[in-house]
C-alpha atoms as a PDB file:
ATOM      1  CA  MET A   1       0.000   0.000   0.000  1.00  0.00           C
ATOM      2  CA  HIS A   2       1.347   3.404  -0.996  1.00  0.00           C
ATOM      3  CA  LEU A   3       1.351   5.923   1.869  1.00  0.00           C
ATOM      4  CA  GLU A   4       1.066   9.588   0.972  1.00  0.00           C
ATOM      5  CA  PRO A   5       3.585  11.841   2.761  1.00  0.00           C
ATOM      6  CA  GLU A   6       2.309  14.155   5.474  1.00  0.00           C
ATOM      7  CA  ILE A   7       1.573  17.696   4.355  1.00  0.00           C
ATOM      8  CA  PHE A   8       2.514  20.388   6.859  1.00  0.00           C
ATOM      9  CA  PRO A   9       1.191  23.935   7.179  1.00  0.00           C
ATOM     10  CA  ARG A  10       3.615  26.780   6.549  1.00  0.00           C
ATOM     11  CA  SER A  11       1.740  29.861   7.749  1.00  0.00           C
ATOM     12  CA  ALA A  12      -0.906  30.790  10.304  1.00  0.00           C
ATOM     13  CA  TRP A  13      -3.066  33.586  11.641  1.00  0.00           C
ATOM     14  CA  VAL A  14      -4.181  34.140  15.208  1.00  0.00           C
ATOM     15  CA  LEU A  15      -7.584  35.831  14.997  1.00  0.00           C
ATOM     16  CA  THR A  16      -9.110  37.351  18.166  1.00  0.00           C
ATOM     17  CA  ASP A  17     -10.567  40.586  19.498  1.00  0.00           C
ATOM     18  CA  GLY A  18      -7.476  40.996  21.657  1.00  0.00           C
ATOM     19  CA  LYS A  19      -8.667  39.451  24.941  1.00  0.00           C
ATOM     20  CA  ALA A  20      -5.539  38.250  26.719  1.00  0.00           C
ATOM     21  CA  GLY A  21      -6.898  34.775  27.518  1.00  0.00           C
ATOM     22  CA  ASP A  22      -7.991  34.126  23.931  1.00  0.00           C
ATOM     23  CA  VAL A  23      -4.708  35.402  22.504  1.00  0.00           C
ATOM     24  CA  ALA A  24      -2.648  33.245  24.898  1.00  0.00           C
ATOM     25  CA  GLN A  25      -4.534  30.079  23.980  1.00  0.00           C
ATOM     26  CA  CYS A  26      -4.306  30.664  20.231  1.00  0.00           C
ATOM     27  CA  VAL A  27      -0.635  31.655  20.334  1.00  0.00           C
ATOM     28  CA  GLY A  28       0.167  28.627  22.483  1.00  0.00           C
ATOM     29  CA  VAL A  29      -1.352  26.312  19.893  1.00  0.00           C
ATOM     30  CA  VAL A  30       0.330  28.018  16.927  1.00  0.00           C
ATOM     31  CA  GLU A  31       3.711  28.033  18.684  1.00  0.00           C
ATOM     32  CA  ALA A  32       3.287  24.289  19.260  1.00  0.00           C
ATOM     33  CA  LEU A  33       2.794  23.920  15.487  1.00  0.00           C
ATOM     34  CA  GLY A  34       6.213  25.504  15.012  1.00  0.00           C
ATOM     35  CA  ILE A  35       5.247  27.737  12.084  1.00  0.00           C
ATOM     36  CA  PRO A  36       5.359  31.524  11.507  1.00  0.00           C
ATOM     37  CA  TYR A  37       2.158  33.354  12.395  1.00  0.00           C
ATOM     38  CA  GLU A  38       0.537  36.770  12.319  1.00  0.00           C
ATOM     39  CA  ALA A  39      -1.698  38.095  15.093  1.00  0.00           C
ATOM     40  CA  ARG A  40      -4.806  39.671  13.570  1.00  0.00           C
ATOM     41  CA  LYS A  41      -7.055  41.710  15.869  1.00  0.00           C
ATOM     42  CA  ILE A  42     -10.698  42.390  15.048  1.00  0.00           C
ATOM     43  CA  ALA A  43     -12.653  45.320  16.498  1.00  0.00           C
ATOM     44  CA  PRO A  44     -16.247  45.297  15.212  1.00  0.00           C
ATOM     45  CA  ARG A  45     -18.415  48.325  15.993  1.00  0.00           C
ATOM     46  CA  PRO A  46     -21.943  48.217  17.395  1.00  0.00           C
ATOM     47  CA  PRO A  47     -24.397  47.073  16.211  1.00  0.00           C
ATOM     48  CA  PHE A  48     -22.295  44.452  14.375  1.00  0.00           C
ATOM     49  CA  SER A  49     -20.551  43.432  17.612  1.00  0.00           C
ATOM     50  CA  TRP A  50     -23.971  42.823  19.217  1.00  0.00           C
ATOM     51  CA  TRP A  51     -24.991  40.351  16.530  1.00  0.00           C
ATOM     52  CA  LEU A  52     -21.858  38.219  16.602  1.00  0.00           C
ATOM     53  CA  PRO A  53     -21.179  35.320  16.288  1.00  0.00           C
ATOM     54  CA  PHE A  54     -24.387  34.975  14.273  1.00  0.00           C
ATOM     55  CA  GLY A  55     -24.579  38.250  12.401  1.00  0.00           C
ATOM     56  CA  PRO A  56     -22.398  39.752   9.644  1.00  0.00           C
ATOM     57  CA  THR A  57     -18.902  41.063  10.214  1.00  0.00           C
ATOM     58  CA  ASP A  58     -18.350  44.802  10.396  1.00  0.00           C
ATOM     59  CA  PRO A  59     -18.107  46.167   6.785  1.00  0.00           C
ATOM     60  CA  ARG A  60     -15.412  48.573   7.994  1.00  0.00           C
ATOM     61  CA  GLU A  61     -13.185  45.520   8.491  1.00  0.00           C
ATOM     62  CA  TRP A  62     -13.914  43.759   5.215  1.00  0.00           C
ATOM     63  CA  GLU A  63     -10.935  42.507   3.271  1.00  0.00           C
ATOM     64  CA  THR A  64     -10.984  45.410   0.770  1.00  0.00           C
ATOM     65  CA  ARG A  65     -10.610  48.094   3.461  1.00  0.00           C
ATOM     66  CA  THR A  66      -7.329  49.671   4.493  1.00  0.00           C
ATOM     67  CA  GLN A  67      -5.751  47.812   7.433  1.00  0.00           C
ATOM     68  CA  SER A  68      -8.447  45.132   7.369  1.00  0.00           C
ATOM     69  CA  PRO A  69      -7.656  42.321   9.842  1.00  0.00           C
ATOM     70  CA  ILE A  70      -8.727  39.757   7.242  1.00  0.00           C
ATOM     71  CA  ALA A  71      -6.977  41.102   4.146  1.00  0.00           C
ATOM     72  CA  PRO A  72      -5.144  38.592   1.932  1.00  0.00           C
ATOM     73  CA  PRO A  73      -2.888  36.728   1.380  1.00  0.00           C
ATOM     74  CA  TYR A  74      -4.573  34.016   3.390  1.00  0.00           C
ATOM     75  CA  PRO A  75      -2.660  31.547   5.557  1.00  0.00           C
ATOM     76  CA  ASP A  76      -2.659  27.772   5.535  1.00  0.00           C
ATOM     77  CA  ILE A  77      -4.238  27.799   9.009  1.00  0.00           C
ATOM     78  CA  ALA A  78      -6.294  30.348  10.936  1.00  0.00           C
ATOM     79  CA  VAL A  79      -6.757  29.806  14.676  1.00  0.00           C
ATOM     80  CA  ALA A  80      -9.458  31.918  16.335  1.00  0.00           C
ATOM     81  CA  SER A  81     -11.101  32.303  19.724  1.00  0.00           C
ATOM     82  CA  GLY A  82     -13.824  34.532  21.170  1.00  0.00           C
ATOM     83  CA  ARG A  83     -17.413  34.793  19.971  1.00  0.00           C
ATOM     84  CA  ARG A  84     -16.756  37.895  17.857  1.00  0.00           C
ATOM     85  CA  ALA A  85     -14.002  36.111  15.963  1.00  0.00           C
ATOM     86  CA  ALA A  86     -16.227  33.189  14.915  1.00  0.00           C
ATOM     87  CA  ALA A  87     -17.939  35.105  12.107  1.00  0.00           C
ATOM     88  CA  TYR A  88     -14.618  36.486  10.869  1.00  0.00           C
ATOM     89  CA  LEU A  89     -13.180  32.975  10.757  1.00  0.00           C
ATOM     90  CA  ARG A  90     -16.086  31.864   8.568  1.00  0.00           C
ATOM     91  CA  ARG A  91     -15.443  34.790   6.244  1.00  0.00           C
ATOM     92  CA  VAL A  92     -11.743  33.893   5.970  1.00  0.00           C
ATOM     93  CA  LYS A  93     -12.724  30.356   4.997  1.00  0.00           C
ATOM     94  CA  TRP A  94     -15.003  31.727   2.276  1.00  0.00           C
ATOM     95  CA  LEU A  95     -12.529  34.344   1.040  1.00  0.00           C
ATOM     96  CA  SER A  96      -9.740  31.775   0.762  1.00  0.00           C
ATOM     97  CA  LYS A  97     -12.041  29.598  -1.355  1.00  0.00           C
ATOM     98  CA  GLY A  98     -11.781  26.917   1.301  1.00  0.00           C
ATOM     99  CA  ASN A  99      -7.981  26.780   1.219  1.00  0.00           C
ATOM    100  CA  THR A 100      -7.439  28.066   4.762  1.00  0.00           C
ATOM    101  CA  PHE A 101      -7.901  25.341   7.356  1.00  0.00           C
ATOM    102  CA  THR A 102      -9.875  26.937  10.180  1.00  0.00           C
ATOM    103  CA  VAL A 103      -9.569  26.149  13.890  1.00  0.00           C
ATOM    104  CA  PHE A 104     -11.748  27.560  16.671  1.00  0.00           C
ATOM    105  CA  LEU A 105     -10.869  27.292  20.351  1.00  0.00           C
ATOM    106  CA  LYS A 106     -13.854  26.948  22.743  1.00  0.00           C
ATOM    107  CA  ASP A 107     -17.518  26.676  21.816  1.00  0.00           C
ATOM    108  CA  PRO A 108     -18.286  29.110  18.954  1.00  0.00           C
ATOM    109  CA  ARG A 109     -22.012  29.030  19.892  1.00  0.00           C
ATOM    110  CA  THR A 110     -22.917  28.342  16.277  1.00  0.00           C
ATOM    111  CA  GLY A 111     -22.424  24.562  16.200  1.00  0.00           C
ATOM    112  CA  PRO A 112     -19.665  22.256  14.959  1.00  0.00           C
ATOM    113  CA  GLY A 113     -19.841  23.663  11.429  1.00  0.00           C
ATOM    114  CA  ALA A 114     -18.190  26.905  12.540  1.00  0.00           C
ATOM    115  CA  ALA A 115     -14.683  25.634  11.674  1.00  0.00           C
ATOM    116  CA  ASP A 116     -12.828  22.671  10.215  1.00  0.00           C
ATOM    117  CA  LEU A 117     -11.675  21.775  13.737  1.00  0.00           C
ATOM    118  CA  ILE A 118     -13.027  22.938  17.074  1.00  0.00           C
ATOM    119  CA  TRP A 119     -11.443  22.408  20.460  1.00  0.00           C
ATOM    120  CA  VAL A 120     -13.512  22.502  23.659  1.00  0.00           C
ATOM    121  CA  PRO A 121     -12.695  21.640  27.274  1.00  0.00           C
ATOM    122  CA  GLU A 122     -14.308  18.545  28.697  1.00  0.00           C
ATOM    123  CA  HIS A 123     -16.848  20.544  30.696  1.00  0.00           C
ATOM    124  CA  ASP A 124     -18.349  22.117  27.539  1.00  0.00           C
ATOM    125  CA  ARG A 125     -21.225  20.273  25.895  1.00  0.00           C
ATOM    126  CA  LEU A 126     -20.360  20.693  22.224  1.00  0.00           C
ATOM    127  CA  ARG A 127     -19.490  17.421  20.528  1.00  0.00           C
ATOM    128  CA  GLY A 128     -19.048  16.361  16.920  1.00  0.00           C
ATOM    129  CA  ARG A 129     -16.836  14.560  14.414  1.00  0.00           C
ATOM    130  CA  ASN A 130     -14.578  17.615  14.141  1.00  0.00           C
ATOM    131  CA  VAL A 131     -14.682  18.530  17.849  1.00  0.00           C
ATOM    132  CA  LEU A 132     -11.614  17.722  19.947  1.00  0.00           C
ATOM    133  CA  VAL A 133     -12.177  17.446  23.706  1.00  0.00           C
ATOM    134  CA  THR A 134      -9.483  17.637  26.403  1.00  0.00           C
ATOM    135  CA  PRO A 135      -9.628  18.043  30.211  1.00  0.00           C
ATOM    136  CA  THR A 136      -7.735  21.352  30.283  1.00  0.00           C
ATOM    137  CA  SER A 137      -7.148  24.360  28.030  1.00  0.00           C
ATOM    138  CA  PRO A 138      -4.234  25.196  25.727  1.00  0.00           C
ATOM    139  CA  HIS A 139      -1.624  27.720  26.872  1.00  0.00           C
ATOM    140  CA  ARG A 140       1.886  29.014  26.154  1.00  0.00           C
ATOM    141  CA  PHE A 141       3.796  27.036  28.809  1.00  0.00           C
ATOM    142  CA  SER A 142       5.144  23.982  27.012  1.00  0.00           C
ATOM    143  CA  GLN A 143       7.192  21.407  28.894  1.00  0.00           C
ATOM    144  CA  ALA A 144      10.316  22.598  27.087  1.00  0.00           C
ATOM    145  CA  LYS A 145       9.588  26.205  28.031  1.00  0.00           C
ATOM    146  CA  LEU A 146       8.992  25.336  31.690  1.00  0.00           C
ATOM    147  CA  ALA A 147      12.220  23.327  31.775  1.00  0.00           C
ATOM    148  CA  ALA A 148      14.137  26.269  30.329  1.00  0.00           C
ATOM    149  CA  LEU A 149      12.581  28.684  32.840  1.00  0.00           C
ATOM    150  CA  ARG A 150      13.326  26.268  35.689  1.00  0.00           C
ATOM    151  CA  SER A 151      17.032  26.271  34.869  1.00  0.00           C
ATOM    152  CA  GLU A 152      17.164  30.018  34.197  1.00  0.00           C
ATOM    153  CA  LYS A 153      18.474  32.256  36.951  1.00  0.00           C
ATOM    154  CA  ALA A 154      15.836  34.423  38.642  1.00  0.00           C
ATOM    155  CA  PRO A 155      17.565  35.917  41.710  1.00  0.00           C
ATOM    156  CA  THR A 156      14.466  37.193  43.524  1.00  0.00           C
ATOM    157  CA  ILE A 157      12.831  33.767  43.217  1.00  0.00           C
ATOM    158  CA  ASP A 158      15.919  31.620  43.673  1.00  0.00           C
ATOM    159  CA  LYS A 159      16.701  33.174  47.050  1.00  0.00           C
ATOM    160  CA  LEU A 160      13.321  32.060  48.441  1.00  0.00           C
ATOM    161  CA  SER A 161      13.477  29.037  50.722  1.00  0.00           C
ATOM    162  CA  HIS A 162      11.465  25.904  49.987  1.00  0.00           C
ATOM    163  CA  PRO A 163       8.655  25.067  49.768  1.00  0.00           C
ATOM    164  CA  ARG A 164       7.922  27.754  47.199  1.00  0.00           C
ATOM    165  CA  VAL A 165       4.242  28.160  46.421  1.00  0.00           C
ATOM    166  CA  ALA A 166       2.916  30.034  43.374  1.00  0.00           C
ATOM    167  CA  VAL A 167      -0.299  31.818  44.388  1.00  0.00           C
ATOM    168  CA  LEU A 168      -2.486  32.628  41.371  1.00  0.00           C
ATOM    169  CA  VAL A 169      -5.355  34.937  42.305  1.00  0.00           C
ATOM    170  CA  GLY A 170      -8.230  35.851  40.019  1.00  0.00           C
ATOM    171  CA  GLY A 171     -11.218  37.835  41.186  1.00  0.00           C
ATOM    172  CA  ASP A 172     -14.893  38.621  40.767  1.00  0.00           C
ATOM    173  CA  SER A 173     -16.413  37.210  37.592  1.00  0.00           C
ATOM    174  CA  ARG A 174     -19.770  36.416  36.061  1.00  0.00           C
ATOM    175  CA  HIS A 175     -20.041  33.283  38.209  1.00  0.00           C
ATOM    176  CA  HIS A 176     -17.906  34.030  41.280  1.00  0.00           C
ATOM    177  CA  THR A 177     -17.746  36.752  43.914  1.00  0.00           C
ATOM    178  CA  PHE A 178     -15.034  37.220  46.512  1.00  0.00           C
ATOM    179  CA  THR A 179     -17.052  38.258  49.535  1.00  0.00           C
ATOM    180  CA  ASP A 180     -15.404  39.841  52.575  1.00  0.00           C
ATOM    181  CA  GLY A 181     -15.596  36.427  54.240  1.00  0.00           C
ATOM    182  CA  ASP A 182     -13.974  34.734  51.239  1.00  0.00           C
ATOM    183  CA  GLN A 183     -11.131  37.228  51.248  1.00  0.00           C
ATOM    184  CA  SER A 184     -10.472  36.728  54.951  1.00  0.00           C
ATOM    185  CA  LEU A 185     -10.604  32.942  54.593  1.00  0.00           C
ATOM    186  CA  PHE A 186      -8.156  33.015  51.688  1.00  0.00           C
ATOM    187  CA  LEU A 187      -5.673  35.341  53.389  1.00  0.00           C
ATOM    188  CA  ASN A 188      -5.847  33.429  56.653  1.00  0.00           C
ATOM    189  CA  GLY A 189      -5.269  30.183  54.761  1.00  0.00           C
ATOM    190  CA  LEU A 190      -2.087  31.631  53.259  1.00  0.00           C
ATOM    191  CA  ARG A 191      -0.912  32.871  56.648  1.00  0.00           C
ATOM    192  CA  GLN A 192      -1.510  29.405  58.117  1.00  0.00           C
ATOM    193  CA  LEU A 193       0.410  27.768  55.281  1.00  0.00           C
ATOM    194  CA  ALA A 194       3.337  30.114  55.807  1.00  0.00           C
ATOM    195  CA  SER A 195       3.284  29.377  59.532  1.00  0.00           C
ATOM    196  CA  ASP A 196       2.803  25.594  59.431  1.00  0.00           C
ATOM    197  CA  GLU A 197       4.962  24.786  56.393  1.00  0.00           C
ATOM    198  CA  SER A 198       7.365  27.778  56.333  1.00  0.00           C
ATOM    199  CA  ALA A 199       6.114  28.262  52.781  1.00  0.00           C
ATOM    200  CA  ARG A 200       7.289  31.177  50.691  1.00  0.00           C
ATOM    201  CA  PHE A 201       4.818  32.627  48.224  1.00  0.00           C
ATOM    202  CA  MET A 202       5.135  33.945  44.671  1.00  0.00           C
ATOM    203  CA  ILE A 203       1.873  35.838  44.273  1.00  0.00           C
ATOM    204  CA  THR A 204       0.132  37.175  41.166  1.00  0.00           C
ATOM    205  CA  ALA A 205      -3.215  38.960  41.144  1.00  0.00           C
ATOM    206  CA  SER A 206      -5.376  40.120  38.236  1.00  0.00           C
ATOM    207  CA  ARG A 207      -7.363  43.162  37.178  1.00  0.00           C
ATOM    208  CA  ARG A 208     -10.423  41.395  38.600  1.00  0.00           C
ATOM    209  CA  THR A 209      -8.938  40.993  42.082  1.00  0.00           C
ATOM    210  CA  PRO A 210     -10.945  43.071  44.613  1.00  0.00           C
ATOM    211  CA  PRO A 211      -8.861  46.027  45.881  1.00  0.00           C
ATOM    212  CA  ALA A 212      -9.118  44.913  49.522  1.00  0.00           C
ATOM    213  CA  LEU A 213      -7.836  41.446  48.641  1.00  0.00           C
ATOM    214  CA  ALA A 214      -5.006  42.887  46.515  1.00  0.00           C
ATOM    215  CA  TYR A 215      -4.024  45.109  49.432  1.00  0.00           C
ATOM    216  CA  GLY A 216      -4.101  42.126  51.812  1.00  0.00           C
ATOM    217  CA  LEU A 217      -1.903  40.082  49.485  1.00  0.00           C
ATOM    218  CA  SER A 218       0.561  42.942  49.101  1.00  0.00           C
ATOM    219  CA  SER A 219       0.729  43.439  52.869  1.00  0.00           C
ATOM    220  CA  LEU A 220       1.232  39.702  53.415  1.00  0.00           C
ATOM    221  CA  ALA A 221       4.108  39.694  50.930  1.00  0.00           C
ATOM    222  CA  LYS A 222       5.840  42.685  52.533  1.00  0.00           C
ATOM    223  CA  SER A 223       5.543  41.393  56.071  1.00  0.00           C
ATOM    224  CA  GLY A 224       6.393  37.754  55.376  1.00  0.00           C
ATOM    225  CA  GLY A 225       9.241  37.892  52.871  1.00  0.00           C
ATOM    226  CA  HIS A 226       7.096  36.746  49.938  1.00  0.00           C
ATOM    227  CA  LEU A 227       6.959  37.993  46.328  1.00  0.00           C
ATOM    228  CA  TYR A 228       3.986  39.932  44.960  1.00  0.00           C
ATOM    229  CA  TRP A 229       3.827  40.900  41.300  1.00  0.00           C
ATOM    230  CA  THR A 230       2.242  44.316  40.856  1.00  0.00           C
ATOM    231  CA  GLY A 231       1.818  44.193  37.079  1.00  0.00           C
ATOM    232  CA  GLU A 232       5.026  45.726  35.782  1.00  0.00           C
ATOM    233  CA  ALA A 233       6.911  44.089  32.922  1.00  0.00           C
ATOM    234  CA  PRO A 234       8.189  41.443  32.614  1.00  0.00           C
ATOM    235  CA  ASN A 235       5.444  39.086  33.766  1.00  0.00           C
ATOM    236  CA  PRO A 236       7.052  36.489  36.081  1.00  0.00           C
ATOM    237  CA  LEU A 237       4.224  33.919  35.833  1.00  0.00           C
ATOM    238  CA  GLY A 238       6.288  31.464  33.807  1.00  0.00           C
ATOM    239  CA  HIS A 239       9.108  31.517  36.341  1.00  0.00           C
ATOM    240  CA  TYR A 240       6.625  31.222  39.212  1.00  0.00           C
ATOM    241  CA  LEU A 241       5.087  28.093  37.680  1.00  0.00           C
ATOM    242  CA  ALA A 242       8.426  26.554  36.705  1.00  0.00           C
ATOM    243  CA  LYS A 243      10.067  27.071  40.101  1.00  0.00           C
ATOM    244  CA  ALA A 244       7.088  26.281  42.356  1.00  0.00           C
ATOM    245  CA  ASP A 245       6.917  23.241  44.613  1.00  0.00           C
ATOM    246  CA  ALA A 246       3.125  23.637  44.803  1.00  0.00           C
ATOM    247  CA  ILE A 247       0.446  26.003  43.550  1.00  0.00           C
ATOM    248  CA  VAL A 248      -2.557  27.758  45.079  1.00  0.00           C
ATOM    249  CA  ALA A 249      -5.139  28.994  42.547  1.00  0.00           C
ATOM    250  CA  THR A 250      -8.624  30.450  42.741  1.00  0.00           C
ATOM    251  CA  ALA A 251     -11.485  28.586  41.070  1.00  0.00           C
ATOM    252  CA  ASP A 252     -12.837  31.526  39.060  1.00  0.00           C
ATOM    253  CA  SER A 253     -10.419  30.839  36.189  1.00  0.00           C
ATOM    254  CA  THR A 254     -10.234  27.421  34.536  1.00  0.00           C
ATOM    255  CA  ASN A 255      -7.441  28.750  32.296  1.00  0.00           C
ATOM    256  CA  MET A 256      -5.326  29.620  35.322  1.00  0.00           C
ATOM    257  CA  ILE A 257      -5.844  26.185  36.855  1.00  0.00           C
ATOM    258  CA  GLY A 258      -5.170  24.535  33.508  1.00  0.00           C
ATOM    259  CA  GLU A 259      -1.823  26.334  33.239  1.00  0.00           C
ATOM    260  CA  ALA A 260      -0.965  25.164  36.747  1.00  0.00           C
ATOM    261  CA  THR A 261      -1.590  21.505  35.853  1.00  0.00           C
ATOM    262  CA  THR A 262       1.191  21.607  33.240  1.00  0.00           C
ATOM    263  CA  THR A 263       3.749  21.701  36.053  1.00  0.00           C
ATOM    264  CA  GLY A 264       2.952  18.276  37.507  1.00  0.00           C
ATOM    265  CA  LYS A 265       2.921  19.941  40.940  1.00  0.00           C
ATOM    266  CA  PRO A 266      -0.050  19.757  43.340  1.00  0.00           C
ATOM    267  CA  VAL A 267      -2.656  22.479  42.780  1.00  0.00           C
ATOM    268  CA  HIS A 268      -4.626  23.729  45.801  1.00  0.00           C
ATOM    269  CA  VAL A 269      -7.906  25.333  44.728  1.00  0.00           C
ATOM    270  CA  PHE A 270      -9.769  28.037  46.645  1.00  0.00           C
ATOM    271  CA  GLN A 271     -13.451  28.337  45.779  1.00  0.00           C
ATOM    272  CA  PRO A 272     -14.988  31.800  46.294  1.00  0.00           C
ATOM    273  CA  SER A 273     -18.749  32.289  46.583  1.00  0.00           C
ATOM    274  CA  GLY A 274     -20.813  31.309  43.558  1.00  0.00           C
ATOM    275  CA  GLY A 275     -19.875  28.792  40.912  1.00  0.00           C
ATOM    276  CA  HIS A 276     -21.085  27.178  37.724  1.00  0.00           C
ATOM    277  CA  SER A 277     -21.842  23.598  36.753  1.00  0.00           C
ATOM    278  CA  LYS A 278     -19.190  23.629  34.011  1.00  0.00           C
ATOM    279  CA  ILE A 279     -16.490  24.796  36.411  1.00  0.00           C
ATOM    280  CA  THR A 280     -17.631  22.267  38.998  1.00  0.00           C
ATOM    281  CA  GLY A 281     -17.368  19.484  36.413  1.00  0.00           C
ATOM    282  CA  PHE A 282     -13.908  20.658  35.408  1.00  0.00           C
ATOM    283  CA  LEU A 283     -12.681  20.652  39.005  1.00  0.00           C
ATOM    284  CA  GLU A 284     -14.248  17.279  39.759  1.00  0.00           C
ATOM    285  CA  SER A 285     -12.440  15.688  36.805  1.00  0.00           C
ATOM    286  CA  LEU A 286      -9.096  17.032  38.033  1.00  0.00           C
ATOM    287  CA  ALA A 287      -9.834  15.935  41.605  1.00  0.00           C
ATOM    288  CA  ARG A 288     -10.463  12.385  40.372  1.00  0.00           C
ATOM    289  CA  LEU A 289      -7.014  12.442  38.771  1.00  0.00           C
ATOM    290  CA  GLY A 290      -5.462  13.506  42.085  1.00  0.00           C
ATOM    291  CA  VAL A 291      -4.298  16.787  40.568  1.00  0.00           C
ATOM    292  CA  ILE A 292      -6.138  19.340  42.736  1.00  0.00           C
ATOM    293  CA  HIS A 293      -6.747  19.644  46.465  1.00  0.00           C
ATOM    294  CA  PRO A 294      -8.926  21.974  48.555  1.00  0.00           C
ATOM    295  CA  PHE A 295      -7.607  25.237  49.964  1.00  0.00           C
ATOM    296  CA  PRO A 296      -7.314  26.178  52.787  1.00  0.00           C
ATOM    297  CA  GLY A 297      -5.759  22.874  53.713  1.00  0.00           C
ATOM    298  CA  PRO A 298      -2.431  21.145  54.256  1.00  0.00           C
ATOM    299  CA  LEU A 299       0.268  21.493  51.637  1.00  0.00           C
ATOM    300  CA  LYS A 300       0.463  18.463  49.344  1.00  0.00           C
ATOM    301  CA  THR A 301       3.696  17.275  47.792  1.00  0.00           C
ATOM    302  CA  THR A 302       2.496  14.460  45.530  1.00  0.00           C
ATOM    303  CA  THR A 303       3.264  14.971  41.843  1.00  0.00           C
ATOM    304  CA  TYR A 304       1.559  13.638  38.713  1.00  0.00           C
ATOM    305  CA  GLU A 305       2.151  13.440  34.994  1.00  0.00           C
ATOM    306  CA  PRO A 306       1.753  17.004  33.687  1.00  0.00           C
ATOM    307  CA  ILE A 307      -1.540  17.629  31.894  1.00  0.00           C
ATOM    308  CA  ASP A 308      -0.939  19.567  28.683  1.00  0.00           C
ATOM    309  CA  ALA A 309      -3.656  19.967  26.067  1.00  0.00           C
ATOM    310  CA  THR A 310      -1.595  22.203  23.778  1.00  0.00           C
ATOM    311  CA  PRO A 311       0.496  19.539  21.963  1.00  0.00           C
ATOM    312  CA  VAL A 312      -2.586  17.318  21.693  1.00  0.00           C
ATOM    313  CA  ILE A 313      -4.448  20.095  19.875  1.00  0.00           C
ATOM    314  CA  ALA A 314      -1.438  20.912  17.682  1.00  0.00           C
ATOM    315  CA  ASP A 315      -1.021  17.259  16.663  1.00  0.00           C
ATOM    316  CA  ARG A 316      -4.705  17.010  15.715  1.00  0.00           C
ATOM    317  CA  ILE A 317      -4.439  20.181  13.629  1.00  0.00           C
ATOM    318  CA  LYS A 318      -1.450  18.769  11.745  1.00  0.00           C
ATOM    319  CA  LEU A 319      -3.266  15.494  11.140  1.00  0.00           C
ATOM    320  CA  ASP A 320      -6.512  17.080   9.941  1.00  0.00           C
ATOM    321  CA  PHE A 321      -4.726  19.714   7.861  1.00  0.00           C
ATOM    322  CA  SER A 322      -2.681  17.052   6.093  1.00  0.00           C
ATOM    323  CA  ALA A 323      -5.803  14.963   5.453  1.00  0.00           C
ATOM    324  CA  SER A 324      -7.594  17.996   4.012  1.00  0.00           C
ATOM    325  CA  ARG A 325      -4.793  18.556   1.507  1.00  0.00           C
ATOM    326  CA  LYS A 326      -4.514  15.001   0.204  1.00  0.00           C
ATOM    327  CA  PRO A 327      -6.258  14.069  -3.045  1.00  0.00           C
ATOM    328  CA  GLU A 328      -9.568  12.321  -2.552  1.00  0.00           C
ATOM    329  CA  GLY A 329      -9.060   8.576  -2.164  1.00  0.00           C
ATOM    330  CA  ALA A 330      -5.397   8.865  -1.161  1.00  0.00           C
ATOM    331  CA  THR A 331      -4.215   6.868   1.897  1.00  0.00           C
END
């Protein structure tokens, strides 16, 4: 039997509306493909933005307009994320006469026909022949990158005694609220961990972190000899993950927890008030694998095989892209 050689993509677009989480996931996947890419940012105006992903794209951003985000030449692969980008991805497919292989990360809300390949996390309901499902989300922290960061000198981190704990703090969201009681419980849990285990923290907060909690974290860092990132460049998150012995993360961000699981280090999850069935399902699946543990609680030291969806998604893209380029009937 004659086997056709694999056909590999040579160019890619990352197509988003600029949200940091969407960009990070798409870039992580494209970097895992190992091909050059361009980041294309869409910015539809109302009322077009209101109608997406179902409605038409903004005519101001059509391919014939100056500085259009979807102007040719079109790439071999376009990877998109975010509901606004779904309609633009469909237009790229049409404009390229079907030659661009389209990939959408997360549920596009318009069904499995929205792209040639769709990735969703396990806790999303979308399923189909072209839908790839994994327990966690894609990201930019490959095993090779974490290994390189682990061996790289970072004086402010390296001088911390062990155990070093990366503390990844989100904030209020559509499904979660950090009440005053939640904030006190979280801060007290960190203080207890520092006291009982002599842990040293590497703390990051987000724009969603309530001001009182951010102040409490900053004060804890100053008084206890911990690190607290205040948002200035460069972002130390990669070093924090690579050099941590354990991780504490808040449950409002599945992306943040997913990044933590790439380390193979125990992840201690704090659940603020609220919740959502999808997030609950996501956490339950990781708990069954022995990956996450409740916080506040004792520090765990057990490790596990790192969970990394990014190379799985990249491999599936390569496979499906190659299959789409082979003549009909070829094997």
